[in-house]
N, C-alpha and C. Protein backbone atom coordinates (compact mmCIF):
# COMPACT_ATOMS: atom_id res chain seq x y z
N MET A 1 -7.52 18.85 26.51
CA MET A 1 -7.62 18.34 25.25
C MET A 1 -6.76 19.20 24.34
N LYS A 2 -5.83 18.43 23.83
CA LYS A 2 -4.89 18.87 22.66
C LYS A 2 -5.37 19.48 21.47
N THR A 3 -5.08 20.57 21.01
CA THR A 3 -5.63 21.11 19.64
C THR A 3 -4.31 20.94 18.69
N ILE A 4 -4.84 20.10 17.59
CA ILE A 4 -3.86 19.89 16.58
C ILE A 4 -4.55 20.27 15.10
N THR A 5 -3.56 20.96 14.41
CA THR A 5 -3.94 21.11 13.00
C THR A 5 -3.33 19.98 12.06
N LEU A 6 -4.10 19.53 11.41
CA LEU A 6 -3.73 18.44 10.34
C LEU A 6 -3.92 18.99 9.00
N ILE A 7 -2.78 18.91 8.20
CA ILE A 7 -2.99 19.38 6.75
C ILE A 7 -2.49 18.16 5.99
N MET A 8 -3.14 17.86 4.96
CA MET A 8 -3.02 16.89 3.82
C MET A 8 -2.97 17.40 2.53
N THR A 9 -1.62 17.12 2.02
CA THR A 9 -1.44 17.75 0.50
C THR A 9 -1.33 16.63 -0.38
N GLY A 10 -0.90 16.79 -1.51
CA GLY A 10 -1.31 15.82 -2.72
C GLY A 10 -0.34 14.94 -2.92
N ALA A 11 0.65 14.51 -1.78
CA ALA A 11 1.59 13.61 -2.01
C ALA A 11 0.99 12.05 -1.88
N SER A 12 1.51 11.23 -2.48
CA SER A 12 1.04 9.78 -2.35
C SER A 12 1.25 9.51 -0.83
N GLY A 13 0.54 8.71 -0.47
CA GLY A 13 0.56 8.39 1.21
C GLY A 13 -0.81 9.03 1.87
N ALA A 14 -1.85 9.04 1.32
CA ALA A 14 -3.04 9.55 1.91
C ALA A 14 -3.45 8.78 3.16
N GLN A 15 -3.09 7.43 3.13
CA GLN A 15 -3.45 6.64 4.18
C GLN A 15 -2.74 7.15 5.53
N TYR A 16 -1.68 7.66 5.58
CA TYR A 16 -1.09 8.13 6.66
C TYR A 16 -1.87 9.25 7.31
N GLY A 17 -2.14 10.33 6.72
CA GLY A 17 -2.92 11.35 7.13
C GLY A 17 -4.47 10.97 7.55
N LEU A 18 -4.90 10.00 6.82
CA LEU A 18 -6.36 9.57 7.20
C LEU A 18 -6.16 8.74 8.62
N ARG A 19 -5.18 7.73 8.71
CA ARG A 19 -4.97 7.16 9.88
C ARG A 19 -4.81 8.03 11.10
N LEU A 20 -3.92 8.91 10.79
CA LEU A 20 -3.47 9.94 11.87
C LEU A 20 -4.76 10.76 12.37
N LEU A 21 -5.68 11.29 11.43
CA LEU A 21 -6.78 11.82 11.70
C LEU A 21 -7.57 10.97 12.85
N GLU A 22 -7.82 9.72 12.28
CA GLU A 22 -8.62 8.79 13.14
C GLU A 22 -7.98 8.57 14.56
N CYS A 23 -6.77 8.61 14.65
CA CYS A 23 -6.22 8.36 16.10
C CYS A 23 -6.27 9.64 16.87
N LEU A 24 -6.16 10.61 16.11
CA LEU A 24 -6.20 12.03 16.92
C LEU A 24 -7.60 12.23 17.45
N LEU A 25 -8.66 11.78 16.67
CA LEU A 25 -10.15 12.16 17.12
C LEU A 25 -10.30 11.06 18.33
N LYS A 26 -9.70 9.83 18.28
CA LYS A 26 -9.99 8.80 19.04
C LYS A 26 -9.25 9.20 20.38
N ALA A 27 -8.09 9.98 20.34
CA ALA A 27 -7.51 10.29 21.53
C ALA A 27 -8.10 11.74 22.20
N GLY A 28 -9.18 12.00 21.66
CA GLY A 28 -10.00 13.18 22.19
C GLY A 28 -9.34 14.62 21.89
N CYS A 29 -8.43 14.72 20.86
CA CYS A 29 -7.96 15.70 20.47
C CYS A 29 -8.93 16.87 19.69
N GLN A 30 -8.91 18.09 19.68
CA GLN A 30 -9.53 18.98 18.86
C GLN A 30 -8.76 18.98 17.67
N VAL A 31 -9.29 18.82 16.51
CA VAL A 31 -8.53 18.58 15.18
C VAL A 31 -9.18 19.74 14.25
N TYR A 32 -8.25 20.62 13.77
CA TYR A 32 -8.52 21.37 12.64
C TYR A 32 -7.85 20.66 11.34
N LEU A 33 -8.84 20.49 10.25
CA LEU A 33 -8.20 19.76 9.30
C LEU A 33 -8.43 20.57 8.01
N LEU A 34 -7.14 20.43 7.20
CA LEU A 34 -7.19 21.27 5.91
C LEU A 34 -6.68 20.32 4.72
N LEU A 35 -7.35 20.29 3.81
CA LEU A 35 -7.17 19.41 2.64
C LEU A 35 -6.86 20.16 1.42
N SER A 36 -5.71 19.92 0.52
CA SER A 36 -5.52 20.56 -0.57
C SER A 36 -6.54 20.04 -1.61
N ARG A 37 -6.56 20.66 -2.71
CA ARG A 37 -7.49 19.77 -3.79
C ARG A 37 -6.73 18.63 -4.20
N PRO A 38 -5.28 18.75 -4.39
CA PRO A 38 -4.74 17.45 -5.08
C PRO A 38 -4.70 16.20 -3.91
N ALA A 39 -4.88 16.79 -2.57
CA ALA A 39 -4.85 15.70 -1.30
C ALA A 39 -6.19 14.99 -1.79
N GLN A 40 -7.24 15.70 -2.15
CA GLN A 40 -8.62 15.13 -2.18
C GLN A 40 -8.62 14.04 -3.31
N VAL A 41 -7.99 14.41 -4.38
CA VAL A 41 -7.78 13.52 -5.70
C VAL A 41 -7.01 12.34 -5.31
N VAL A 42 -5.92 12.51 -4.50
CA VAL A 42 -5.10 11.32 -4.12
C VAL A 42 -5.87 10.31 -3.30
N ILE A 43 -6.63 11.08 -2.27
CA ILE A 43 -7.31 10.16 -1.31
C ILE A 43 -8.44 9.38 -2.20
N ASN A 44 -9.03 10.01 -3.15
CA ASN A 44 -9.87 9.19 -4.09
C ASN A 44 -9.37 8.07 -4.66
N MET A 45 -7.94 8.44 -5.12
CA MET A 45 -7.26 7.21 -5.89
C MET A 45 -6.76 6.23 -5.11
N GLU A 46 -6.28 6.48 -3.82
CA GLU A 46 -5.57 5.66 -3.06
C GLU A 46 -6.45 4.74 -1.93
N THR A 47 -7.68 5.29 -1.83
CA THR A 47 -8.40 4.66 -0.64
C THR A 47 -9.73 4.52 -1.11
N GLU A 48 -10.59 3.94 -0.29
CA GLU A 48 -12.02 3.62 -0.59
C GLU A 48 -12.80 4.86 -0.36
N HIS A 49 -12.52 5.95 0.16
CA HIS A 49 -13.06 7.04 0.52
C HIS A 49 -13.44 8.10 -0.71
N ARG A 50 -14.53 8.33 -0.86
CA ARG A 50 -15.03 9.33 -2.03
C ARG A 50 -15.58 10.56 -1.22
N LEU A 51 -14.76 11.61 -0.92
CA LEU A 51 -15.04 12.72 -0.27
C LEU A 51 -15.80 13.60 -1.07
N PRO A 52 -16.79 14.32 -0.36
CA PRO A 52 -17.50 15.45 -1.13
C PRO A 52 -16.65 16.64 -1.03
N GLY A 53 -17.27 17.61 -1.78
CA GLY A 53 -16.48 18.94 -2.24
C GLY A 53 -16.28 19.84 -1.17
N ARG A 54 -17.20 20.00 -0.30
CA ARG A 54 -17.29 21.25 0.58
C ARG A 54 -16.70 20.77 1.99
N ALA A 55 -16.02 21.89 2.37
CA ALA A 55 -15.40 21.53 3.89
C ALA A 55 -16.48 20.98 4.98
N SER A 56 -17.54 21.78 4.75
CA SER A 56 -18.60 21.26 5.86
C SER A 56 -19.14 19.74 5.61
N GLU A 57 -19.21 19.28 4.47
CA GLU A 57 -19.57 18.08 4.21
C GLU A 57 -18.41 17.14 4.44
N ILE A 58 -17.31 17.37 4.25
CA ILE A 58 -16.35 16.48 4.74
C ILE A 58 -16.13 16.43 6.27
N GLN A 59 -16.33 17.60 6.83
CA GLN A 59 -16.45 17.53 8.24
C GLN A 59 -17.44 16.47 8.84
N HIS A 60 -18.49 16.56 8.31
CA HIS A 60 -19.65 15.58 8.47
C HIS A 60 -19.16 14.38 8.37
N TYR A 61 -18.61 13.99 7.16
CA TYR A 61 -18.27 12.78 6.94
C TYR A 61 -17.54 12.09 7.74
N PHE A 62 -16.25 12.89 8.28
CA PHE A 62 -15.33 12.37 8.97
C PHE A 62 -15.76 12.18 10.42
N SER A 63 -16.72 13.14 10.81
CA SER A 63 -17.21 13.10 12.19
C SER A 63 -18.00 11.89 12.37
N GLN A 64 -18.92 11.55 11.46
CA GLN A 64 -19.67 10.45 11.61
C GLN A 64 -19.12 8.97 11.57
N LEU A 65 -17.92 9.14 10.47
CA LEU A 65 -17.14 7.82 10.38
C LEU A 65 -16.30 7.55 11.67
N HIS A 66 -15.78 8.45 12.50
CA HIS A 66 -15.03 8.37 13.71
C HIS A 66 -15.54 8.64 14.90
N GLY A 67 -16.83 8.88 14.82
CA GLY A 67 -17.72 9.10 16.04
C GLY A 67 -17.12 10.37 16.96
N ALA A 68 -16.70 11.34 16.17
CA ALA A 68 -16.35 12.54 16.88
C ALA A 68 -17.49 13.30 17.69
N GLN A 69 -16.90 13.98 18.87
CA GLN A 69 -17.94 14.71 19.57
C GLN A 69 -18.32 15.84 18.67
N PRO A 70 -19.32 16.42 19.20
CA PRO A 70 -19.64 17.85 18.39
C PRO A 70 -18.61 18.80 18.50
N GLY A 71 -18.03 19.28 17.39
CA GLY A 71 -17.39 20.35 17.42
C GLY A 71 -15.76 19.91 17.50
N GLN A 72 -15.67 18.64 17.65
CA GLN A 72 -14.28 18.11 17.80
C GLN A 72 -13.47 18.15 16.76
N LEU A 73 -14.12 18.10 15.42
CA LEU A 73 -13.32 18.22 14.35
C LEU A 73 -14.05 19.49 13.48
N GLN A 74 -12.95 20.26 12.93
CA GLN A 74 -13.48 21.46 12.25
C GLN A 74 -12.53 21.25 10.81
N VAL A 75 -13.27 21.33 9.76
CA VAL A 75 -12.55 21.14 8.52
C VAL A 75 -12.78 22.71 7.72
N PHE A 76 -11.77 23.43 7.30
CA PHE A 76 -11.87 24.68 6.88
C PHE A 76 -11.64 24.57 5.17
N GLU A 77 -12.27 25.58 4.67
CA GLU A 77 -11.98 25.78 3.22
C GLU A 77 -10.67 26.50 3.03
N ARG A 78 -10.02 26.13 1.71
CA ARG A 78 -8.49 26.68 1.57
C ARG A 78 -8.33 28.17 1.69
N GLU A 79 -9.42 28.89 1.50
CA GLU A 79 -9.41 30.32 1.50
C GLU A 79 -10.23 30.97 2.58
N GLN A 80 -10.63 30.15 3.78
CA GLN A 80 -11.15 30.64 4.68
C GLN A 80 -10.40 31.21 5.78
N TRP A 81 -10.10 32.76 5.50
CA TRP A 81 -9.07 33.41 6.24
C TRP A 81 -9.53 33.79 7.67
N THR A 82 -10.93 33.64 7.90
CA THR A 82 -11.53 33.77 9.41
C THR A 82 -11.38 32.54 10.21
N ALA A 83 -10.69 31.42 9.59
CA ALA A 83 -10.43 30.25 10.53
C ALA A 83 -9.42 30.61 11.61
N PRO A 84 -9.69 30.07 12.72
CA PRO A 84 -8.78 30.45 13.91
C PRO A 84 -7.22 30.18 13.57
N ILE A 85 -6.89 29.31 12.85
CA ILE A 85 -5.54 28.94 12.72
C ILE A 85 -4.70 29.98 11.76
N ALA A 86 -5.56 30.98 11.19
CA ALA A 86 -4.97 31.87 10.28
C ALA A 86 -4.39 33.20 11.12
N SER A 87 -4.41 33.09 12.52
CA SER A 87 -3.88 34.14 13.48
C SER A 87 -3.10 33.39 14.65
N GLY A 88 -2.18 34.10 14.94
CA GLY A 88 -1.42 33.47 16.04
C GLY A 88 -2.14 33.46 17.35
N SER A 89 -3.17 34.46 17.45
CA SER A 89 -4.03 34.38 18.72
C SER A 89 -4.70 33.03 19.01
N ALA A 90 -4.86 32.41 17.94
CA ALA A 90 -5.74 31.05 17.97
C ALA A 90 -4.99 29.81 17.54
N VAL A 91 -3.87 29.78 17.31
CA VAL A 91 -2.90 28.76 16.80
C VAL A 91 -3.14 27.51 17.47
N ALA A 92 -3.10 26.44 16.98
CA ALA A 92 -3.14 25.19 17.58
C ALA A 92 -1.89 24.71 18.29
N GLU A 93 -1.95 23.89 19.11
CA GLU A 93 -0.71 23.46 19.99
C GLU A 93 0.52 22.92 19.04
N ALA A 94 0.03 22.25 18.12
CA ALA A 94 0.97 21.57 17.10
C ALA A 94 0.29 21.46 15.81
N THR A 95 1.18 21.42 14.69
CA THR A 95 0.57 21.31 13.26
C THR A 95 1.38 20.09 12.65
N VAL A 96 0.66 19.28 11.88
CA VAL A 96 1.40 18.33 11.21
C VAL A 96 0.92 18.22 9.74
N VAL A 97 1.90 18.18 8.71
CA VAL A 97 1.54 18.25 7.49
C VAL A 97 1.79 16.82 7.02
N CYS A 98 0.74 16.01 6.71
CA CYS A 98 0.98 14.51 6.51
C CYS A 98 -0.12 13.98 5.54
N PRO A 99 0.32 13.80 4.25
CA PRO A 99 1.61 13.69 3.80
C PRO A 99 1.99 15.25 3.33
N CYS A 100 3.23 15.49 3.10
CA CYS A 100 3.74 16.72 2.71
C CYS A 100 4.32 16.62 1.51
N THR A 101 3.85 17.37 0.41
CA THR A 101 4.62 17.41 -0.85
C THR A 101 5.71 18.19 -0.75
N THR A 102 6.76 17.97 -1.77
CA THR A 102 7.90 18.91 -1.73
C THR A 102 7.53 20.41 -2.37
N GLY A 103 6.51 20.49 -2.83
CA GLY A 103 5.89 21.93 -3.32
C GLY A 103 5.51 22.51 -2.10
N THR A 104 4.72 21.83 -1.06
CA THR A 104 4.44 22.57 0.11
C THR A 104 5.77 22.81 1.05
N LEU A 105 6.49 21.83 1.05
CA LEU A 105 7.90 21.99 1.55
C LEU A 105 8.39 23.27 1.35
N SER A 106 8.61 23.52 -0.04
CA SER A 106 9.28 24.61 -0.48
C SER A 106 8.40 25.99 0.02
N ALA A 107 7.02 26.05 -0.31
CA ALA A 107 6.32 27.11 0.23
C ALA A 107 6.69 27.51 1.63
N ILE A 108 6.61 26.35 2.58
CA ILE A 108 6.91 26.57 3.89
C ILE A 108 8.21 27.23 4.14
N ALA A 109 9.22 26.69 3.37
CA ALA A 109 10.53 27.13 3.60
C ALA A 109 10.71 28.57 3.21
N CYS A 110 10.00 29.10 2.16
CA CYS A 110 9.97 30.48 1.59
C CYS A 110 9.12 31.40 2.46
N GLY A 111 8.30 30.95 3.39
CA GLY A 111 7.37 31.67 4.01
C GLY A 111 6.31 32.22 3.35
N SER A 112 5.69 31.54 2.35
CA SER A 112 4.51 31.86 1.57
C SER A 112 3.32 31.64 2.26
N SER A 113 2.45 32.60 2.11
CA SER A 113 1.14 32.49 2.65
C SER A 113 -0.08 32.76 1.67
N ARG A 114 -0.15 32.07 0.64
CA ARG A 114 -0.88 32.25 -0.48
C ARG A 114 -2.22 31.65 -0.26
N ASN A 115 -2.55 30.78 0.67
CA ASN A 115 -3.74 30.12 1.02
C ASN A 115 -3.66 29.81 2.60
N LEU A 116 -4.88 29.28 2.75
CA LEU A 116 -4.89 28.85 4.57
C LEU A 116 -4.02 28.01 4.94
N ILE A 117 -3.54 27.03 3.98
CA ILE A 117 -2.71 26.02 4.49
C ILE A 117 -1.24 26.44 4.54
N GLU A 118 -0.85 27.17 3.75
CA GLU A 118 0.59 27.81 3.93
C GLU A 118 0.44 28.91 5.01
N ARG A 119 -0.52 29.69 5.26
CA ARG A 119 -0.77 30.49 6.38
C ARG A 119 -0.66 29.78 7.73
N ALA A 120 -1.49 28.82 7.81
CA ALA A 120 -1.55 27.96 8.99
C ALA A 120 -0.08 27.69 9.60
N VAL A 121 0.64 27.10 8.37
CA VAL A 121 2.04 26.57 8.86
C VAL A 121 2.79 28.06 9.22
N ASP A 122 2.79 28.87 8.57
CA ASP A 122 3.61 30.18 8.66
C ASP A 122 3.32 30.53 9.96
N VAL A 123 1.91 30.58 10.48
CA VAL A 123 1.62 31.04 12.04
C VAL A 123 2.31 29.94 13.07
N ALA A 124 2.08 28.73 12.64
CA ALA A 124 2.81 27.74 13.75
C ALA A 124 4.40 28.22 13.75
N LEU A 125 4.91 28.39 12.73
CA LEU A 125 6.37 28.76 12.81
C LEU A 125 6.50 29.99 13.50
N LYS A 126 5.84 31.13 13.19
CA LYS A 126 6.20 32.46 13.88
C LYS A 126 5.94 32.30 15.53
N GLU A 127 4.92 31.47 15.81
CA GLU A 127 4.54 31.27 17.18
C GLU A 127 5.22 30.27 17.88
N ARG A 128 6.21 29.87 17.21
CA ARG A 128 7.11 28.66 17.75
C ARG A 128 6.41 27.53 18.40
N LYS A 129 5.41 27.19 17.49
CA LYS A 129 4.73 25.94 17.88
C LYS A 129 5.27 24.65 17.27
N LYS A 130 5.13 23.41 17.78
CA LYS A 130 5.61 22.43 17.14
C LYS A 130 4.92 22.17 15.68
N LEU A 131 5.94 21.74 14.78
CA LEU A 131 5.52 21.47 13.46
C LEU A 131 6.31 20.26 13.01
N ILE A 132 5.34 19.47 12.37
CA ILE A 132 6.01 18.17 11.99
C ILE A 132 5.63 18.08 10.47
N LEU A 133 6.61 17.66 9.68
CA LEU A 133 6.39 17.51 8.20
C LEU A 133 6.72 16.17 7.80
N VAL A 134 5.67 15.26 7.34
CA VAL A 134 5.63 14.01 6.98
C VAL A 134 6.00 14.11 5.37
N VAL A 135 7.29 14.32 4.91
CA VAL A 135 7.62 14.62 3.61
C VAL A 135 7.55 13.11 2.76
N ARG A 136 6.83 13.14 1.64
CA ARG A 136 6.75 11.98 0.87
C ARG A 136 7.20 12.18 -0.52
N GLU A 137 8.45 11.82 -0.73
CA GLU A 137 9.08 11.96 -2.09
C GLU A 137 10.21 11.03 -2.09
N THR A 138 10.76 10.50 -3.22
CA THR A 138 12.11 9.88 -3.40
C THR A 138 12.40 9.79 -4.98
N PRO A 139 13.61 9.92 -5.29
CA PRO A 139 14.73 10.44 -4.33
C PRO A 139 14.33 11.97 -4.18
N PHE A 140 15.29 12.54 -3.06
CA PHE A 140 15.36 14.03 -2.82
C PHE A 140 16.36 14.70 -3.60
N SER A 141 15.91 15.77 -4.12
CA SER A 141 16.74 16.60 -4.74
C SER A 141 17.61 17.42 -3.86
N GLU A 142 18.77 18.15 -4.47
CA GLU A 142 19.37 18.96 -3.54
C GLU A 142 18.46 20.19 -2.94
N ILE A 143 17.60 20.68 -4.00
CA ILE A 143 16.67 21.67 -3.40
C ILE A 143 15.79 21.05 -2.17
N HIS A 144 15.21 19.89 -2.30
CA HIS A 144 14.40 19.49 -1.28
C HIS A 144 15.24 19.29 0.01
N LEU A 145 16.61 18.76 -0.08
CA LEU A 145 17.39 18.73 1.13
C LEU A 145 17.65 20.11 1.73
N GLU A 146 17.93 21.03 0.88
CA GLU A 146 18.23 22.41 1.47
C GLU A 146 17.05 22.78 1.99
N ASN A 147 15.86 22.81 1.53
CA ASN A 147 14.55 23.20 2.24
C ASN A 147 14.39 22.45 3.54
N MET A 148 14.69 21.14 3.71
CA MET A 148 14.52 20.40 4.83
C MET A 148 15.42 20.92 6.05
N LEU A 149 16.65 21.15 5.40
CA LEU A 149 17.72 21.47 6.39
C LEU A 149 17.28 22.93 6.96
N LYS A 150 17.09 23.64 6.16
CA LYS A 150 16.68 25.18 6.61
C LYS A 150 15.44 25.14 7.74
N LEU A 151 14.58 24.28 7.57
CA LEU A 151 13.41 24.34 8.38
C LEU A 151 13.86 23.39 9.73
N ALA A 152 14.63 22.37 9.52
CA ALA A 152 15.02 21.54 10.74
C ALA A 152 15.97 22.59 11.66
N ARG A 153 16.77 23.62 11.05
CA ARG A 153 17.55 24.72 11.90
C ARG A 153 16.56 25.53 12.62
N MET A 154 15.32 25.68 12.17
CA MET A 154 14.21 26.43 12.90
C MET A 154 13.37 25.47 13.92
N GLY A 155 13.67 24.28 14.03
CA GLY A 155 13.16 23.40 15.06
C GLY A 155 12.00 22.52 14.49
N VAL A 156 11.63 22.74 13.26
CA VAL A 156 10.77 21.94 12.55
C VAL A 156 11.28 20.39 12.59
N ILE A 157 10.25 19.47 12.91
CA ILE A 157 10.69 18.04 12.82
C ILE A 157 10.43 17.69 11.51
N ILE A 158 11.37 17.17 10.80
CA ILE A 158 11.32 16.60 9.46
C ILE A 158 11.08 14.89 9.57
N MET A 159 9.88 14.41 9.17
CA MET A 159 9.90 13.01 9.50
C MET A 159 9.43 12.35 8.05
N PRO A 160 10.27 12.12 7.20
CA PRO A 160 9.90 11.45 5.85
C PRO A 160 9.20 10.06 6.08
N ALA A 161 8.26 9.87 5.18
CA ALA A 161 7.47 8.39 5.48
C ALA A 161 8.45 7.33 5.05
N ASN A 162 9.18 6.89 6.13
CA ASN A 162 10.14 5.78 5.96
C ASN A 162 9.66 4.82 7.10
N PRO A 163 8.56 3.87 6.98
CA PRO A 163 8.34 3.03 7.95
C PRO A 163 9.33 1.86 8.11
N GLY A 164 9.52 1.42 9.40
CA GLY A 164 10.64 0.48 9.58
C GLY A 164 10.00 -0.86 9.43
N PHE A 165 10.78 -1.99 9.42
CA PHE A 165 10.53 -3.38 9.20
C PHE A 165 10.76 -4.31 10.28
N TYR A 166 11.42 -3.86 11.45
CA TYR A 166 11.86 -4.57 12.48
C TYR A 166 10.73 -5.25 13.18
N GLN A 167 9.60 -4.63 13.10
CA GLN A 167 8.35 -5.33 13.86
C GLN A 167 7.86 -6.28 12.99
N ARG A 168 8.40 -6.58 11.92
CA ARG A 168 7.78 -7.70 10.68
C ARG A 168 6.52 -7.29 10.44
N PRO A 169 6.20 -6.26 9.73
CA PRO A 169 4.73 -5.79 9.35
C PRO A 169 4.27 -6.91 8.42
N ALA A 170 2.93 -7.23 8.74
CA ALA A 170 2.25 -8.28 7.81
C ALA A 170 1.34 -7.62 6.95
N SER A 171 1.09 -6.36 6.76
CA SER A 171 0.12 -5.77 6.18
C SER A 171 0.58 -4.36 5.89
N VAL A 172 -0.04 -3.65 4.81
CA VAL A 172 0.19 -2.21 4.51
C VAL A 172 -0.29 -1.41 5.71
N GLN A 173 -1.36 -1.97 6.39
CA GLN A 173 -1.80 -0.99 7.56
C GLN A 173 -0.86 -1.07 8.70
N GLU A 174 0.01 -1.96 8.76
CA GLU A 174 1.02 -2.08 9.89
C GLU A 174 2.12 -1.07 9.65
N LEU A 175 2.47 -0.91 8.18
CA LEU A 175 3.43 0.02 7.63
C LEU A 175 2.85 1.40 8.05
N VAL A 176 1.71 1.64 7.58
CA VAL A 176 1.01 2.98 8.05
C VAL A 176 0.98 3.17 9.42
N ASP A 177 0.90 2.20 10.24
CA ASP A 177 0.61 2.67 11.76
C ASP A 177 1.94 2.83 12.28
N PHE A 178 3.14 2.28 11.74
CA PHE A 178 4.47 2.59 12.05
C PHE A 178 4.84 3.99 12.13
N MET A 179 4.50 4.72 10.96
CA MET A 179 4.55 6.13 10.82
C MET A 179 3.72 6.87 11.61
N VAL A 180 2.41 6.67 11.85
CA VAL A 180 1.51 7.36 12.51
C VAL A 180 1.87 7.29 14.05
N ALA A 181 2.39 6.19 14.58
CA ALA A 181 2.88 6.03 15.99
C ALA A 181 4.05 6.95 16.21
N ARG A 182 4.92 7.04 15.32
CA ARG A 182 6.04 8.12 15.59
C ARG A 182 5.54 9.49 15.33
N VAL A 183 4.62 9.86 14.57
CA VAL A 183 3.99 11.09 14.71
C VAL A 183 3.52 11.50 16.05
N LEU A 184 2.49 10.35 16.43
CA LEU A 184 1.74 10.64 17.82
C LEU A 184 2.84 10.74 18.86
N ASP A 185 3.88 10.05 18.69
CA ASP A 185 5.06 10.14 19.97
C ASP A 185 5.48 11.48 20.00
N HIS A 186 5.76 11.97 18.89
CA HIS A 186 6.46 13.49 18.80
C HIS A 186 5.21 14.62 19.24
N LEU A 187 3.99 14.19 19.13
CA LEU A 187 2.87 14.98 19.63
C LEU A 187 2.65 14.95 21.13
N ASP A 188 3.34 13.97 21.70
CA ASP A 188 3.14 13.36 23.18
C ASP A 188 1.80 12.86 23.36
N ILE A 189 1.31 12.21 22.43
CA ILE A 189 -0.08 11.46 22.54
C ILE A 189 0.09 9.99 22.72
N PRO A 190 -0.35 9.45 23.87
CA PRO A 190 -0.09 8.05 23.90
C PRO A 190 -0.61 7.13 22.83
N GLN A 191 0.09 5.98 22.57
CA GLN A 191 -0.54 5.34 21.37
C GLN A 191 0.00 3.91 21.64
N THR A 192 -0.83 3.07 21.13
CA THR A 192 -0.25 1.43 21.10
C THR A 192 -0.28 0.82 19.77
N LEU A 193 -0.03 1.65 18.83
CA LEU A 193 0.16 1.27 17.40
C LEU A 193 1.38 0.49 17.30
N LEU A 194 2.38 0.74 17.95
CA LEU A 194 3.82 0.32 17.66
C LEU A 194 4.35 -0.09 18.96
N PRO A 195 4.87 -1.31 19.13
CA PRO A 195 5.53 -1.69 20.40
C PRO A 195 6.91 -0.96 20.40
N ARG A 196 7.19 -0.50 21.69
CA ARG A 196 8.62 0.07 22.01
C ARG A 196 9.70 -0.90 21.68
N TRP A 197 10.69 -0.23 21.35
CA TRP A 197 12.00 -1.13 20.91
C TRP A 197 12.53 -1.74 22.09
N GLY A 198 12.71 -3.01 22.13
CA GLY A 198 13.03 -3.79 23.28
C GLY A 198 11.87 -4.46 24.00
N GLN A 199 10.82 -3.98 23.79
CA GLN A 199 9.53 -4.54 24.65
C GLN A 199 9.21 -5.74 24.04
N GLU A 200 9.48 -6.27 22.87
CA GLU A 200 9.30 -7.51 22.36
C GLU A 200 10.41 -8.34 22.14
N GLN A 201 10.35 -9.54 22.52
CA GLN A 201 11.61 -10.47 22.51
C GLN A 201 11.77 -10.84 21.06
N ALA A 202 13.05 -10.47 20.57
CA ALA A 202 13.23 -10.89 18.99
C ALA A 202 13.46 -12.17 19.03
N GLU A 203 13.19 -13.19 18.20
CA GLU A 203 13.76 -14.38 17.78
C GLU A 203 15.06 -14.48 17.45
N PRO A 204 15.86 -15.61 17.85
CA PRO A 204 17.15 -15.58 17.43
C PRO A 204 17.20 -15.81 15.79
N GLN A 205 18.29 -15.02 15.35
CA GLN A 205 18.47 -14.98 13.92
C GLN A 205 19.75 -15.96 13.43
N ASP A 206 19.90 -16.60 12.30
CA ASP A 206 21.24 -17.07 11.77
C ASP A 206 21.50 -16.05 10.76
N PHE A 207 22.91 -15.83 10.81
CA PHE A 207 23.50 -14.93 9.80
C PHE A 207 24.60 -15.71 9.22
């Protein structure tokens, strides 16, 4: 059973992180979940979810919603320094920040560890674990691009939330699933959300 740390920050695109959480739990992964305060605000704005305030209550909410096994999902407070992900001795196999604000991107690039979110990512970096950042911003400034380049050179996977359209999405959910499928691919978790390129016969087009 893979152990994945999922971090949601306050960028628009809460649907990406929530759908990824659902898929990780259904795939049988052990999930450590961290939510920034702005992330909770955005979730309430962009989705039908109305999350409670405490980590333990959020853990119960999502565990019940997705039928998680006991202990499969653990939600930590932002200052919970005793959480396993605060130490390299118990770091998850992979960490995903989805969605990732450019503020969080900056903190990661600078090695900041002011809260558990930043510390968890810093641990993933120092332990050479897989780290995926689903950055959600447009346009990118030179600062954003420099931060992404710096992290990419360290082996971080930079995956801006840019869903494709070649599969002819008919709903917002299909656009969300496109990005979530790409994240799952990079986590080496089997998925059927998105057909592989070339697996579906395209209809002839007139140009």
